[in-house]
Amino acid sequence: MVETINPTTGKPIERIAYTIAPEIDERLTRLQKTQRAWGAAPIEARAATLREVARRLRERRDTLAETAVREDRKSTRLNSSHI
């Protein structure tokens, strides 16, 4: 397990499980197939997908900024401007 630690409190923010080698190989194979499909998709479809990703990031801006503050002690305002 890998832990993200809040530098102010010393308490864990998040725990992330390690991935074993066979799982990594399987995921890389799937990612290569996905990348080929992404590359073959029309530019309009890729642009629409990226716009949706941007919309979702903006929607979660405050939550993402708060997590970044807990992880690196920077201000919410500074972190929010990077999201």
Protein backbone atom coordinates (compact mmCIF):
# COMPACT_ATOMS: atom_id res chain seq x y z
CA MET A 1 0.00 0.00 0.00
CA VAL A 2 1.18 3.49 -0.83
CA GLU A 3 -0.11 6.28 1.39
CA THR A 4 -0.53 9.95 0.57
CA ILE A 5 0.23 11.81 3.79
CA ASN A 6 -1.07 15.19 4.89
CA PRO A 7 2.17 17.07 5.69
CA THR A 8 0.42 19.25 8.29
CA THR A 9 -1.19 16.50 10.34
CA GLY A 10 0.96 13.52 9.37
CA LYS A 11 -2.24 11.52 8.83
CA PRO A 12 -2.99 9.49 5.69
CA ILE A 13 -5.15 11.15 3.05
CA GLU A 14 -5.42 8.20 0.72
CA ARG A 15 -4.19 4.62 0.44
CA ILE A 16 -3.43 3.15 -2.96
CA ALA A 17 -2.84 -0.55 -3.51
CA TYR A 18 0.24 -1.74 -5.36
CA THR A 19 -0.36 -3.39 -8.72
CA ILE A 20 1.37 -6.69 -9.45
CA ALA A 21 3.29 -7.30 -12.70
CA PRO A 22 0.68 -9.49 -14.47
CA GLU A 23 -1.97 -6.83 -13.86
CA ILE A 24 0.34 -4.17 -15.26
CA ASP A 25 0.93 -6.21 -18.42
CA GLU A 26 -2.82 -6.72 -18.88
CA ARG A 27 -3.52 -3.02 -18.38
CA LEU A 28 -0.79 -2.01 -20.81
CA THR A 29 -2.22 -4.32 -23.47
CA ARG A 30 -5.69 -2.80 -22.99
CA LEU A 31 -4.22 0.71 -23.08
CA GLN A 32 -2.42 0.02 -26.35
CA LYS A 33 -5.70 -1.14 -27.93
CA THR A 34 -7.50 1.89 -26.54
CA GLN A 35 -4.79 4.20 -27.85
CA ARG A 36 -5.16 2.78 -31.36
CA ALA A 37 -8.93 3.29 -31.21
CA TRP A 38 -8.43 6.84 -29.92
CA GLY A 39 -6.01 7.59 -32.75
CA ALA A 40 -8.47 6.24 -35.33
CA ALA A 41 -11.41 8.26 -33.96
CA PRO A 42 -12.41 11.42 -35.84
CA ILE A 43 -10.93 14.62 -34.44
CA GLU A 44 -14.43 15.88 -33.62
CA ALA A 45 -15.07 12.87 -31.38
CA ARG A 46 -11.74 13.28 -29.60
CA ALA A 47 -12.36 17.00 -29.12
CA ALA A 48 -15.82 16.31 -27.66
CA THR A 49 -14.30 13.79 -25.22
CA LEU A 50 -11.65 16.26 -24.11
CA ARG A 51 -14.26 19.00 -23.65
CA GLU A 52 -16.22 16.61 -21.41
CA VAL A 53 -13.11 15.81 -19.37
CA ALA A 54 -12.46 19.55 -18.96
CA ARG A 55 -16.07 20.11 -17.90
CA ARG A 56 -15.83 17.39 -15.25
CA LEU A 57 -12.54 18.77 -13.93
CA ARG A 58 -14.07 22.25 -13.65
CA GLU A 59 -17.08 20.73 -11.90
CA ARG A 60 -14.77 19.13 -9.31
CA ARG A 61 -12.33 22.05 -9.09
CA ASP A 62 -12.96 22.81 -5.41
CA THR A 63 -12.67 19.18 -4.31
CA LEU A 64 -9.50 18.68 -6.35
CA ALA A 65 -8.00 21.90 -4.98
CA GLU A 66 -8.79 20.86 -1.40
CA THR A 67 -7.03 17.52 -1.96
CA ALA A 68 -4.00 19.31 -3.40
CA VAL A 69 -3.91 21.62 -0.36
CA ARG A 70 -3.90 18.62 1.97
CA GLU A 71 -1.12 17.00 -0.06
CA ASP A 72 1.26 19.94 -0.52
CA ARG A 73 0.19 22.69 1.90
CA LYS A 74 -0.31 25.28 -0.86
CA SER A 75 -3.28 27.60 -0.71
CA THR A 76 -6.62 26.56 -2.16
CA ARG A 77 -6.56 29.62 -4.40
CA LEU A 78 -3.19 28.65 -5.89
CA ASN A 79 -4.16 25.02 -6.42
CA SER A 80 -7.56 25.93 -7.82
CA SER A 81 -5.90 28.06 -10.49
CA HIS A 82 -4.02 24.98 -11.74
CA ILE A 83 -7.14 22.86 -12.18
